[in-house]
C-alpha atoms as a PDB file:
ATOM      1  CA  MET A   1       5.625 -28.386  33.908  1.00  0.00           C
ATOM      2  CA  GLU A   2       6.628 -31.700  31.254  1.00  0.00           C
ATOM      3  CA  LYS A   3       9.393 -32.723  32.145  1.00  0.00           C
ATOM      4  CA  LYS A   4      12.364 -34.103  29.772  1.00  0.00           C
ATOM      5  CA  ARG A   5      14.980 -36.764  29.982  1.00  0.00           C
ATOM      6  CA  THR A   6      18.899 -35.689  28.960  1.00  0.00           C
ATOM      7  CA  GLN A   7      21.438 -37.949  28.403  1.00  0.00           C
ATOM      8  CA  VAL A   8      24.208 -37.182  29.207  1.00  0.00           C
ATOM      9  CA  GLU A   9      27.243 -38.058  27.529  1.00  0.00           C
ATOM     10  CA  GLU A  10      30.350 -40.486  28.913  1.00  0.00           C
ATOM     11  CA  GLY A  11      33.133 -38.884  28.984  1.00  0.00           C
ATOM     12  CA  ALA A  12      31.507 -35.564  28.478  1.00  0.00           C
ATOM     13  CA  PRO A  13      33.453 -32.858  31.746  1.00  0.00           C
ATOM     14  CA  ALA A  14      31.564 -33.022  34.993  1.00  0.00           C
ATOM     15  CA  SER A  15      30.557 -29.384  34.634  1.00  0.00           C
ATOM     16  CA  ALA A  16      28.169 -30.546  31.963  1.00  0.00           C
ATOM     17  CA  ALA A  17      26.938 -33.596  34.297  1.00  0.00           C
ATOM     18  CA  SER A  18      24.110 -32.032  37.246  1.00  0.00           C
ATOM     19  CA  PRO A  19      25.354 -32.244  40.391  1.00  0.00           C
ATOM     20  CA  GLY A  20      25.609 -35.748  42.109  1.00  0.00           C
ATOM     21  CA  VAL A  21      24.952 -36.986  38.771  1.00  0.00           C
ATOM     22  CA  LYS A  22      27.156 -40.127  38.092  1.00  0.00           C
ATOM     23  CA  THR A  23      28.503 -39.880  34.075  1.00  0.00           C
ATOM     24  CA  GLY A  24      26.149 -42.058  31.955  1.00  0.00           C
ATOM     25  CA  GLU A  25      23.325 -42.276  33.692  1.00  0.00           C
ATOM     26  CA  LEU A  26      20.239 -40.273  32.973  1.00  0.00           C
ATOM     27  CA  ALA A  27      19.323 -36.806  34.603  1.00  0.00           C
ATOM     28  CA  VAL A  28      16.055 -35.374  35.149  1.00  0.00           C
ATOM     29  CA  ARG A  29      15.947 -31.682  34.547  1.00  0.00           C
ATOM     30  CA  ASP A  30      13.115 -29.375  35.084  1.00  0.00           C
ATOM     31  CA  VAL A  31      13.290 -27.451  31.939  1.00  0.00           C
ATOM     32  CA  PRO A  32      10.358 -25.958  30.337  1.00  0.00           C
ATOM     33  CA  SER A  33       8.547 -27.132  27.246  1.00  0.00           C
ATOM     34  CA  SER A  34       7.533 -24.971  24.041  1.00  0.00           C
ATOM     35  CA  THR A  35       3.910 -24.768  24.617  1.00  0.00           C
ATOM     36  CA  ASP A  36       4.869 -24.220  28.387  1.00  0.00           C
ATOM     37  CA  VAL A  37       6.718 -21.466  27.370  1.00  0.00           C
ATOM     38  CA  ALA A  38       3.889 -19.968  24.640  1.00  0.00           C
ATOM     39  CA  SER A  39       1.088 -19.568  27.231  1.00  0.00           C
ATOM     40  CA  ALA A  40       2.718 -18.023  29.464  1.00  0.00           C
ATOM     41  CA  ARG A  41       3.200 -14.760  27.962  1.00  0.00           C
ATOM     42  CA  VAL A  42       1.362 -12.617  26.556  1.00  0.00           C
ATOM     43  CA  ARG A  43       0.982 -12.167  23.097  1.00  0.00           C
ATOM     44  CA  VAL A  44       2.023  -8.695  21.209  1.00  0.00           C
ATOM     45  CA  ASN A  45      -0.891  -6.966  20.186  1.00  0.00           C
ATOM     46  CA  LYS A  46      -0.288  -4.786  16.646  1.00  0.00           C
ATOM     47  CA  ALA A  47      -0.832  -1.469  16.923  1.00  0.00           C
ATOM     48  CA  TYR A  48      -2.749   0.064  13.951  1.00  0.00           C
ATOM     49  CA  LYS A  49      -0.896   2.924  12.094  1.00  0.00           C
ATOM     50  CA  MET A  50      -1.486   5.757   8.840  1.00  0.00           C
ATOM     51  CA  TYR A  51       1.423   5.799   7.074  1.00  0.00           C
ATOM     52  CA  VAL A  52       2.895   9.165   6.005  1.00  0.00           C
ATOM     53  CA  GLY A  53       6.002  10.499   4.919  1.00  0.00           C
ATOM     54  CA  GLY A  54       7.774   7.602   5.612  1.00  0.00           C
ATOM     55  CA  ALA A  55       7.397   6.416   8.987  1.00  0.00           C
ATOM     56  CA  PHE A  56       4.050   4.988  10.980  1.00  0.00           C
ATOM     57  CA  VAL A  57       1.702   7.992  12.599  1.00  0.00           C
ATOM     58  CA  ARG A  58      -1.731   8.179  15.035  1.00  0.00           C
ATOM     59  CA  SER A  59      -4.137  10.510  13.686  1.00  0.00           C
ATOM     60  CA  GLU A  60      -3.546  13.657  15.412  1.00  0.00           C
ATOM     61  CA  SER A  61      -7.107  13.793  16.908  1.00  0.00           C
ATOM     62  CA  GLY A  62      -6.312  10.558  18.758  1.00  0.00           C
ATOM     63  CA  ARG A  63     -10.591   9.328  17.216  1.00  0.00           C
ATOM     64  CA  TYR A  64     -10.226   5.641  16.326  1.00  0.00           C
ATOM     65  CA  THR A  65     -12.605   3.566  14.717  1.00  0.00           C
ATOM     66  CA  GLN A  66     -13.202  -0.128  16.464  1.00  0.00           C
ATOM     67  CA  VAL A  67     -12.995  -2.687  13.530  1.00  0.00           C
ATOM     68  CA  HIS A  68     -13.686  -6.312  13.908  1.00  0.00           C
ATOM     69  CA  GLY A  69     -13.598  -9.391  12.480  1.00  0.00           C
ATOM     70  CA  ASN A  70     -13.289 -13.338  13.097  1.00  0.00           C
ATOM     71  CA  GLY A  71     -11.046 -12.957  15.417  1.00  0.00           C
ATOM     72  CA  ALA A  72      -8.118 -15.718  13.189  1.00  0.00           C
ATOM     73  CA  GLY A  73      -5.048 -14.643  14.152  1.00  0.00           C
ATOM     74  CA  ALA A  74      -3.093 -12.656  16.417  1.00  0.00           C
ATOM     75  CA  ASP A  75      -5.671 -10.120  16.212  1.00  0.00           C
ATOM     76  CA  PRO A  76      -8.771 -10.166  18.769  1.00  0.00           C
ATOM     77  CA  GLU A  77     -11.889 -10.200  17.307  1.00  0.00           C
ATOM     78  CA  THR A  78     -12.164  -6.630  17.345  1.00  0.00           C
ATOM     79  CA  VAL A  79      -8.978  -3.718  17.326  1.00  0.00           C
ATOM     80  CA  ASN A  80      -9.144  -0.038  16.798  1.00  0.00           C
ATOM     81  CA  VAL A  81      -7.788   1.504  13.834  1.00  0.00           C
ATOM     82  CA  PRO A  82      -6.560   5.438  13.855  1.00  0.00           C
ATOM     83  CA  ARG A  83      -9.748   7.183  12.307  1.00  0.00           C
ATOM     84  CA  GLY A  84      -7.777  10.520  10.170  1.00  0.00           C
ATOM     85  CA  SER A  85      -8.882  13.722  10.123  1.00  0.00           C
ATOM     86  CA  ARG A  86      -9.088  16.242   7.420  1.00  0.00           C
ATOM     87  CA  LYS A  87      -5.854  17.852   9.658  1.00  0.00           C
ATOM     88  CA  ASP A  88      -4.347  14.244   8.824  1.00  0.00           C
ATOM     89  CA  VAL A  89      -5.296  14.648   4.900  1.00  0.00           C
ATOM     90  CA  ARG A  90      -3.624  18.290   5.488  1.00  0.00           C
ATOM     91  CA  ASP A  91      -0.522  17.153   6.693  1.00  0.00           C
ATOM     92  CA  ALA A  92      -0.040  14.128   4.355  1.00  0.00           C
ATOM     93  CA  VAL A  93      -0.519  16.140   1.590  1.00  0.00           C
ATOM     94  CA  LEU A  94       2.016  19.113   2.712  1.00  0.00           C
ATOM     95  CA  VAL A  95       4.664  15.766   2.572  1.00  0.00           C
ATOM     96  CA  ALA A  96       3.205  13.853  -0.668  1.00  0.00           C
ATOM     97  CA  LYS A  97       4.343  17.864  -2.191  1.00  0.00           C
ATOM     98  CA  ASN A  98       7.345  17.770  -0.989  1.00  0.00           C
ATOM     99  CA  ALA A  99       8.615  14.428  -2.225  1.00  0.00           C
ATOM    100  CA  ALA A 100       6.982  15.080  -5.515  1.00  0.00           C
ATOM    101  CA  ASP A 101       9.941  16.645  -7.304  1.00  0.00           C
ATOM    102  CA  LYS A 102      12.954  14.494  -5.961  1.00  0.00           C
ATOM    103  CA  TRP A 103       9.790  11.628  -7.184  1.00  0.00           C
ATOM    104  CA  ALA A 104      10.039  13.113 -11.394  1.00  0.00           C
ATOM    105  CA  ALA A 105      13.650  13.655 -10.500  1.00  0.00           C
ATOM    106  CA  ARG A 106      14.508   9.704  -9.837  1.00  0.00           C
ATOM    107  CA  SER A 107      14.739   7.866 -13.661  1.00  0.00           C
ATOM    108  CA  ALA A 108      12.394   5.481 -15.257  1.00  0.00           C
ATOM    109  CA  TYR A 109      14.672   2.368 -14.691  1.00  0.00           C
ATOM    110  CA  ASN A 110      15.230   3.418 -11.730  1.00  0.00           C
ATOM    111  CA  ARG A 111      11.449   4.005 -10.269  1.00  0.00           C
ATOM    112  CA  GLY A 112      10.755  -0.087 -12.162  1.00  0.00           C
ATOM    113  CA  GLN A 113      13.414  -1.109 -10.515  1.00  0.00           C
ATOM    114  CA  ILE A 114      12.115   0.396  -7.039  1.00  0.00           C
ATOM    115  CA  LEU A 115       8.444  -1.340  -7.953  1.00  0.00           C
ATOM    116  CA  TYR A 116      10.218  -4.000  -9.060  1.00  0.00           C
ATOM    117  CA  ARG A 117      11.768  -4.520  -4.436  1.00  0.00           C
ATOM    118  CA  LEU A 118       8.350  -3.360  -3.850  1.00  0.00           C
ATOM    119  CA  ALA A 119       6.868  -6.941  -5.608  1.00  0.00           C
ATOM    120  CA  GLU A 120       9.405  -9.506  -3.966  1.00  0.00           C
ATOM    121  CA  VAL A 121       8.652  -7.310  -0.628  1.00  0.00           C
ATOM    122  CA  THR A 122       4.813  -7.968  -0.679  1.00  0.00           C
ATOM    123  CA  GLU A 123       5.436 -11.406  -2.008  1.00  0.00           C
ATOM    124  CA  SER A 124       8.137 -12.372   1.208  1.00  0.00           C
ATOM    125  CA  ARG A 125       5.032 -11.557   3.310  1.00  0.00           C
ATOM    126  CA  THR A 126       2.446 -13.438   2.118  1.00  0.00           C
ATOM    127  CA  PRO A 127       1.316 -14.994   5.284  1.00  0.00           C
ATOM    128  CA  GLU A 128       0.854 -12.417   7.084  1.00  0.00           C
ATOM    129  CA  LEU A 129      -1.088 -11.187   4.089  1.00  0.00           C
ATOM    130  CA  VAL A 130      -3.132 -14.203   3.357  1.00  0.00           C
ATOM    131  CA  GLU A 131      -4.065 -13.912   8.002  1.00  0.00           C
ATOM    132  CA  SER A 132      -4.997 -10.057   7.140  1.00  0.00           C
ATOM    133  CA  LEU A 133      -7.588 -10.886   4.179  1.00  0.00           C
ATOM    134  CA  VAL A 134      -8.893 -14.330   6.212  1.00  0.00           C
ATOM    135  CA  ARG A 135      -8.720 -11.883   9.339  1.00  0.00           C
ATOM    136  CA  ALA A 136     -11.943  -9.754   6.697  1.00  0.00           C
ATOM    137  CA  GLY A 137     -14.584 -12.455   6.099  1.00  0.00           C
ATOM    138  CA  SER A 138     -11.976 -13.979   3.285  1.00  0.00           C
ATOM    139  CA  SER A 139     -11.943 -17.538   2.295  1.00  0.00           C
ATOM    140  CA  PRO A 140      -7.715 -18.507   2.963  1.00  0.00           C
ATOM    141  CA  ALA A 141      -7.894 -19.724  -0.397  1.00  0.00           C
ATOM    142  CA  ASP A 142      -9.419 -16.469  -2.154  1.00  0.00           C
ATOM    143  CA  ALA A 143      -6.732 -14.070   0.392  1.00  0.00           C
ATOM    144  CA  ALA A 144      -4.081 -16.216  -1.294  1.00  0.00           C
ATOM    145  CA  ARG A 145      -5.576 -16.088  -4.612  1.00  0.00           C
ATOM    146  CA  GLU A 146      -5.778 -11.556  -3.979  1.00  0.00           C
ATOM    147  CA  VAL A 147      -1.639 -11.032  -2.459  1.00  0.00           C
ATOM    148  CA  ALA A 148      -0.450 -12.967  -5.709  1.00  0.00           C
ATOM    149  CA  ALA A 149      -2.690 -11.191  -7.838  1.00  0.00           C
ATOM    150  CA  ALA A 150      -1.704  -7.889  -5.834  1.00  0.00           C
ATOM    151  CA  VAL A 151       2.556  -8.511  -5.852  1.00  0.00           C
ATOM    152  CA  ASP A 152       1.258  -9.822 -10.073  1.00  0.00           C
ATOM    153  CA  ARG A 153      -0.125  -5.796 -10.056  1.00  0.00           C
ATOM    154  CA  THR A 154       2.940  -4.924  -8.668  1.00  0.00           C
ATOM    155  CA  VAL A 155       5.840  -6.221 -11.776  1.00  0.00           C
ATOM    156  CA  PHE A 156       3.331  -5.278 -14.335  1.00  0.00           C
ATOM    157  CA  TYR A 157       3.719  -1.676 -13.758  1.00  0.00           C
ATOM    158  CA  ALA A 158       7.249  -1.816 -12.924  1.00  0.00           C
ATOM    159  CA  GLY A 159       7.318  -3.051 -16.217  1.00  0.00           C
ATOM    160  CA  PHE A 160       5.661  -0.434 -17.924  1.00  0.00           C
ATOM    161  CA  CYS A 161       7.777   2.882 -15.856  1.00  0.00           C
ATOM    162  CA  ASP A 162      10.328   2.323 -18.625  1.00  0.00           C
ATOM    163  CA  LYS A 163       7.326   2.109 -21.245  1.00  0.00           C
ATOM    164  CA  ILE A 164       5.667   4.732 -19.984  1.00  0.00           C
ATOM    165  CA  SER A 165       8.272   7.891 -22.433  1.00  0.00           C
ATOM    166  CA  SER A 166       7.582   6.035 -25.547  1.00  0.00           C
ATOM    167  CA  LEU A 167       4.162   5.035 -25.487  1.00  0.00           C
ATOM    168  CA  PHE A 168       2.987   8.803 -24.461  1.00  0.00           C
ATOM    169  CA  SER A 169       5.537  10.806 -26.026  1.00  0.00           C
ATOM    170  CA  SER A 170       4.925  12.250 -30.484  1.00  0.00           C
ATOM    171  CA  HIS A 171       6.637  13.801 -33.102  1.00  0.00           C
ATOM    172  CA  ASN A 172       4.656  16.176 -33.874  1.00  0.00           C
ATOM    173  CA  PRO A 173       4.808  17.465 -37.556  1.00  0.00           C
ATOM    174  CA  VAL A 174       4.798  21.200 -38.014  1.00  0.00           C
ATOM    175  CA  SER A 175       5.116  23.837 -41.055  1.00  0.00           C
ATOM    176  CA  GLY A 176       8.280  26.292 -40.358  1.00  0.00           C
ATOM    177  CA  PRO A 177      11.766  25.142 -39.461  1.00  0.00           C
ATOM    178  CA  HIS A 178      11.590  23.901 -36.557  1.00  0.00           C
ATOM    179  CA  PHE A 179      10.727  19.959 -34.340  1.00  0.00           C
ATOM    180  CA  GLY A 180       7.690  19.365 -32.167  1.00  0.00           C
ATOM    181  CA  PHE A 181       7.675  17.238 -29.542  1.00  0.00           C
ATOM    182  CA  THR A 182       5.305  15.977 -27.331  1.00  0.00           C
ATOM    183  CA  ILE A 183       6.229  14.193 -23.604  1.00  0.00           C
ATOM    184  CA  PRO A 184       3.993  12.622 -20.480  1.00  0.00           C
ATOM    185  CA  ASN A 185       4.858  14.378 -16.983  1.00  0.00           C
ATOM    186  CA  PRO A 186       3.842  14.504 -13.532  1.00  0.00           C
ATOM    187  CA  MET A 187       0.710  16.210 -12.476  1.00  0.00           C
ATOM    188  CA  GLY A 188       2.610  15.462  -9.341  1.00  0.00           C
ATOM    189  CA  VAL A 189      -0.181  14.597  -5.994  1.00  0.00           C
ATOM    190  CA  VAL A 190      -2.817  13.229  -6.677  1.00  0.00           C
ATOM    191  CA  GLY A 191      -5.466  11.749  -3.428  1.00  0.00           C
ATOM    192  CA  VAL A 192      -7.214   7.895  -4.007  1.00  0.00           C
ATOM    193  CA  VAL A 193      -9.625   6.809  -2.879  1.00  0.00           C
ATOM    194  CA  ALA A 194      -9.973   3.199  -2.882  1.00  0.00           C
ATOM    195  CA  PRO A 195     -12.523   0.994  -2.986  1.00  0.00           C
ATOM    196  CA  ASP A 196     -13.711  -1.428   0.452  1.00  0.00           C
ATOM    197  CA  ALA A 197     -13.235  -4.845  -1.650  1.00  0.00           C
ATOM    198  CA  PRO A 198     -11.406  -6.057  -2.212  1.00  0.00           C
ATOM    199  CA  SER A 199      -9.232  -4.345  -0.072  1.00  0.00           C
ATOM    200  CA  LEU A 200      -5.525  -4.741  -1.630  1.00  0.00           C
ATOM    201  CA  LEU A 201      -6.030  -5.988  -5.477  1.00  0.00           C
ATOM    202  CA  GLY A 202      -7.806  -2.443  -4.737  1.00  0.00           C
ATOM    203  CA  LEU A 203      -5.704  -0.011  -2.719  1.00  0.00           C
ATOM    204  CA  VAL A 204      -2.274  -1.044  -5.490  1.00  0.00           C
ATOM    205  CA  SER A 205      -4.264  -1.738  -8.879  1.00  0.00           C
ATOM    206  CA  THR A 206      -5.945   2.214  -7.776  1.00  0.00           C
ATOM    207  CA  ILE A 207      -2.382   3.465  -6.421  1.00  0.00           C
ATOM    208  CA  LEU A 208       0.967   1.879  -8.975  1.00  0.00           C
ATOM    209  CA  PRO A 209      -0.438   3.169 -12.572  1.00  0.00           C
ATOM    210  CA  ILE A 210      -0.529   6.324 -10.078  1.00  0.00           C
ATOM    211  CA  ILE A 211       2.831   6.219  -9.070  1.00  0.00           C
ATOM    212  CA  ALA A 212       4.554   3.953 -11.652  1.00  0.00           C
ATOM    213  CA  THR A 213       4.384   7.402 -14.633  1.00  0.00           C
ATOM    214  CA  SER A 214       6.040   9.300 -11.757  1.00  0.00           C
ATOM    215  CA  ASN A 215       2.498  11.472  -9.694  1.00  0.00           C
ATOM    216  CA  VAL A 216       2.651  10.598  -5.702  1.00  0.00           C
ATOM    217  CA  VAL A 217      -1.007   9.183  -3.941  1.00  0.00           C
ATOM    218  CA  VAL A 218      -2.110  10.426  -1.529  1.00  0.00           C
ATOM    219  CA  ALA A 219      -4.660   7.403   0.100  1.00  0.00           C
ATOM    220  CA  THR A 220      -7.378   6.139   1.771  1.00  0.00           C
ATOM    221  CA  ALA A 221      -7.842   2.477   2.431  1.00  0.00           C
ATOM    222  CA  SER A 222     -10.996   0.528   2.231  1.00  0.00           C
ATOM    223  CA  GLU A 223     -13.434   1.480   5.442  1.00  0.00           C
ATOM    224  CA  THR A 224     -14.479  -2.032   5.659  1.00  0.00           C
ATOM    225  CA  ASP A 225     -11.091  -3.079   6.338  1.00  0.00           C
ATOM    226  CA  PRO A 226      -7.920  -1.105   6.908  1.00  0.00           C
ATOM    227  CA  ARG A 227      -5.648  -3.361   8.227  1.00  0.00           C
ATOM    228  CA  THR A 228      -4.700  -5.586   5.428  1.00  0.00           C
ATOM    229  CA  ALA A 229      -3.606  -2.162   3.952  1.00  0.00           C
ATOM    230  CA  ILE A 230      -1.799  -1.347   6.819  1.00  0.00           C
ATOM    231  CA  VAL A 231      -0.553  -4.108   6.339  1.00  0.00           C
ATOM    232  CA  TRP A 232       1.218  -3.585   3.127  1.00  0.00           C
ATOM    233  CA  SER A 233       2.141  -0.262   3.836  1.00  0.00           C
ATOM    234  CA  GLU A 234       5.218  -1.553   6.069  1.00  0.00           C
ATOM    235  CA  CYS A 235       6.209  -3.336   2.557  1.00  0.00           C
ATOM    236  CA  LEU A 236       5.714  -0.066   0.858  1.00  0.00           C
ATOM    237  CA  ALA A 237       8.276   1.167   4.229  1.00  0.00           C
ATOM    238  CA  THR A 238      10.542  -2.159   3.878  1.00  0.00           C
ATOM    239  CA  SER A 239      10.895  -1.554   0.379  1.00  0.00           C
ATOM    240  CA  ASP A 240      12.600   1.063  -1.476  1.00  0.00           C
ATOM    241  CA  LEU A 241      10.651   3.547  -2.100  1.00  0.00           C
ATOM    242  CA  PRO A 242      11.679   6.601  -0.892  1.00  0.00           C
ATOM    243  CA  GLY A 243       9.241   8.405   2.186  1.00  0.00           C
ATOM    244  CA  GLY A 244       5.923  10.284   1.105  1.00  0.00           C
ATOM    245  CA  VAL A 245       5.816   9.525  -2.118  1.00  0.00           C
ATOM    246  CA  VAL A 246       2.934   6.877  -0.773  1.00  0.00           C
ATOM    247  CA  ASN A 247       0.561   8.055   2.070  1.00  0.00           C
ATOM    248  CA  ILE A 248      -2.240   6.387   4.175  1.00  0.00           C
ATOM    249  CA  LEU A 249      -4.701   6.664   5.386  1.00  0.00           C
ATOM    250  CA  THR A 250      -7.820   5.121   7.097  1.00  0.00           C
ATOM    251  CA  GLY A 251     -10.864   6.866   8.339  1.00  0.00           C
ATOM    252  CA  GLN A 252     -14.212   7.693   6.669  1.00  0.00           C
ATOM    253  CA  ALA A 253     -14.820   8.515   2.928  1.00  0.00           C
ATOM    254  CA  ALA A 254     -17.167  11.004   3.287  1.00  0.00           C
ATOM    255  CA  GLU A 255     -14.831  12.488   5.902  1.00  0.00           C
ATOM    256  CA  LEU A 256     -11.338  12.832   4.139  1.00  0.00           C
ATOM    257  CA  ALA A 257     -12.696  12.787   0.515  1.00  0.00           C
ATOM    258  CA  PRO A 258     -14.237  16.445   0.661  1.00  0.00           C
ATOM    259  CA  GLN A 259     -10.905  17.655   1.597  1.00  0.00           C
ATOM    260  CA  LEU A 260      -8.836  16.046  -0.566  1.00  0.00           C
ATOM    261  CA  ALA A 261     -10.803  16.718  -3.560  1.00  0.00           C
ATOM    262  CA  LYS A 262     -11.104  20.922  -2.091  1.00  0.00           C
ATOM    263  CA  HIS A 263      -7.276  20.978  -1.476  1.00  0.00           C
ATOM    264  CA  ARG A 264      -5.622  23.497  -4.002  1.00  0.00           C
ATOM    265  CA  GLU A 265      -2.413  21.355  -3.961  1.00  0.00           C
ATOM    266  CA  VAL A 266      -3.803  18.129  -5.156  1.00  0.00           C
ATOM    267  CA  MET A 267      -4.148  18.125  -8.543  1.00  0.00           C
ATOM    268  CA  ALA A 268      -6.318  15.335  -9.239  1.00  0.00           C
ATOM    269  CA  PHE A 269      -8.306  12.979  -7.576  1.00  0.00           C
ATOM    270  CA  ASP A 270      -9.147   9.001  -8.100  1.00  0.00           C
ATOM    271  CA  GLY A 271     -12.320   7.414  -6.227  1.00  0.00           C
ATOM    272  CA  THR A 272     -14.121   4.484  -6.139  1.00  0.00           C
ATOM    273  CA  PHE A 273     -17.479   4.016  -4.458  1.00  0.00           C
ATOM    274  CA  GLY A 274     -20.188   2.348  -3.887  1.00  0.00           C
ATOM    275  CA  PRO A 275     -23.992   2.093  -5.393  1.00  0.00           C
ATOM    276  CA  LYS A 276     -24.766   4.628  -2.458  1.00  0.00           C
ATOM    277  CA  ALA A 277     -22.216   6.666  -3.246  1.00  0.00           C
ATOM    278  CA  THR A 278     -23.977   9.141  -5.810  1.00  0.00           C
ATOM    279  CA  GLU A 279     -23.975  12.072  -4.124  1.00  0.00           C
ATOM    280  CA  LEU A 280     -21.275  12.159  -2.545  1.00  0.00           C
ATOM    281  CA  ARG A 281     -19.200  11.544  -5.816  1.00  0.00           C
ATOM    282  CA  ALA A 282     -21.438  14.425  -7.214  1.00  0.00           C
ATOM    283  CA  GLU A 283     -19.959  16.111  -4.465  1.00  0.00           C
ATOM    284  CA  LEU A 284     -16.740  15.681  -5.492  1.00  0.00           C
ATOM    285  CA  GLU A 285     -17.217  16.688  -8.826  1.00  0.00           C
ATOM    286  CA  ARG A 286     -18.456  19.891  -8.079  1.00  0.00           C
ATOM    287  CA  LEU A 287     -15.336  20.342  -5.360  1.00  0.00           C
ATOM    288  CA  GLY A 288     -12.607  19.400  -7.720  1.00  0.00           C
ATOM    289  CA  ALA A 289     -13.405  21.853 -10.041  1.00  0.00           C
ATOM    290  CA  ASP A 290     -13.657  24.824  -7.991  1.00  0.00           C
ATOM    291  CA  SER A 291      -9.874  24.476  -8.193  1.00  0.00           C
ATOM    292  CA  VAL A 292      -9.957  23.137 -11.888  1.00  0.00           C
ATOM    293  CA  LYS A 293      -9.072  19.600 -10.802  1.00  0.00           C
ATOM    294  CA  ARG A 294      -8.526  16.378 -12.777  1.00  0.00           C
ATOM    295  CA  VAL A 295     -11.975  14.220 -11.170  1.00  0.00           C
ATOM    296  CA  LYS A 296     -12.535  10.731 -12.507  1.00  0.00           C
ATOM    297  CA  THR A 297     -14.738   8.596  -9.322  1.00  0.00           C
ATOM    298  CA  ARG A 298     -16.539   5.048 -10.495  1.00  0.00           C
ATOM    299  CA  SER A 299     -18.718   2.514  -9.404  1.00  0.00           C
ATOM    300  CA  ASN A 300     -16.868  -0.030  -7.819  1.00  0.00           C
ATOM    301  CA  LEU A 301     -15.231  -2.887  -9.974  1.00  0.00           C
ATOM    302  CA  SER A 302     -17.387  -6.380  -9.529  1.00  0.00           C
ATOM    303  CA  THR A 303     -14.346  -8.573  -8.101  1.00  0.00           C
ATOM    304  CA  GLY A 304     -14.033 -10.663 -11.409  1.00  0.00           C
ATOM    305  CA  GLU A 305     -13.285  -7.611 -13.196  1.00  0.00           C
ATOM    306  CA  TRP A 306      -9.944  -6.615 -10.389  1.00  0.00           C
ATOM    307  CA  PHE A 307      -8.775  -9.651 -11.487  1.00  0.00           C
ATOM    308  CA  ASP A 308      -9.688  -9.350 -15.444  1.00  0.00           C
ATOM    309  CA  ASP A 309      -6.176  -8.435 -16.437  1.00  0.00           C
ATOM    310  CA  ARG A 310      -7.778  -6.150 -19.177  1.00  0.00           C
ATOM    311  CA  LYS A 311     -10.618  -4.859 -16.967  1.00  0.00           C
ATOM    312  CA  GLY A 312      -7.999  -3.685 -13.751  1.00  0.00           C
ATOM    313  CA  GLN A 313      -4.934  -2.744 -15.096  1.00  0.00           C
ATOM    314  CA  GLY A 314      -3.279  -1.202 -18.341  1.00  0.00           C
ATOM    315  CA  ILE A 315      -2.204   1.319 -19.648  1.00  0.00           C
ATOM    316  CA  ALA A 316      -5.751   3.762 -19.504  1.00  0.00           C
ATOM    317  CA  TRP A 317      -5.073   4.055 -15.868  1.00  0.00           C
ATOM    318  CA  VAL A 318      -2.029   5.242 -16.319  1.00  0.00           C
ATOM    319  CA  GLU A 319      -2.718   7.670 -19.103  1.00  0.00           C
ATOM    320  CA  ARG A 320      -5.718   9.580 -17.357  1.00  0.00           C
ATOM    321  CA  TYR A 321      -2.552  10.764 -14.145  1.00  0.00           C
ATOM    322  CA  ILE A 322      -0.342  12.267 -16.651  1.00  0.00           C
ATOM    323  CA  GLU A 323       0.540  15.864 -18.420  1.00  0.00           C
ATOM    324  CA  SER A 324       1.434  16.661 -22.615  1.00  0.00           C
ATOM    325  CA  LYS A 325       3.793  19.189 -22.391  1.00  0.00           C
ATOM    326  CA  THR A 326       4.720  20.421 -26.251  1.00  0.00           C
ATOM    327  CA  VAL A 327       8.125  21.561 -26.658  1.00  0.00           C
ATOM    328  CA  TRP A 328       9.538  23.251 -30.449  1.00  0.00           C
ATOM    329  CA  HIS A 329      12.696  23.375 -30.994  1.00  0.00           C
ATOM    330  CA  PRO A 330      14.475  25.327 -33.990  1.00  0.00           C
ATOM    331  CA  VAL A 331      15.972  23.200 -37.454  1.00  0.00           C
ATOM    332  CA  GLY A 332      20.021  23.642 -36.916  1.00  0.00           C
ATOM    333  CA  VAL A 333      21.806  24.421 -39.968  1.00  0.00           C
END
């Protein structure tokens, strides 16, 4: 071990000096350096789990998928990530359904505050999110750019929360002594399949416009980089977002997406897929039609389009998952 020399100050109490060493002399002590301590201990590897109901859980099946990285950061090159099952989908939908009414009952101003707090927490964990993206193959510069874009997008939807009613409400001209008002309402539970890449910005961009409109979400994370989604889930858990509003499963989209599309408590489905998923998209639309579900599937946008504020965010992403309710009220005398 590296030895450090410690100067014993003159006039210090006798107990401050080593036995047998006179005051004012140099005492040599065996003090382990920080390098020695770091090399001697075993690191605590991160245990990756799914995020359901505000808690981190393993798959009920006990299955896992091995995800490979480039060995950057604290993780080993290969880590185990839970492989969600259809039972996990059912459990997550139940949790989301139970959280839906309370989330919808919150004021638009309060929802905006909560999303702004999420932006704060996400930005505070920038180094860890950047490290996770680098492990998945991004360059440090690209990873930092993606995290910054995810924070900015969160702020955008935080500010959108209290604008939704004004943008989508209307006063309808009617014939007769009545007022006719149309107001936006949430749909309820929405199933989401996030894009494989960009794993963080794509997840944020598909989930946040849905919860900004008072809906709740059950989402499947990127298959190629589920670790970053789990790290971001820790931002959800430490923000003010109530448990159950956002639930994130890891696993195979081809296995989990059909369970979301056909579940009768899921009111809408939003999926982003690669170019080879043509048959899966057709199956999801067929399953969604069976329960008269609103289904939107799309081919994955390019990286530039996800970063483009005119394409990766906006009113069209919000409008998709609201219902319009019209109220008639008699005109007073």
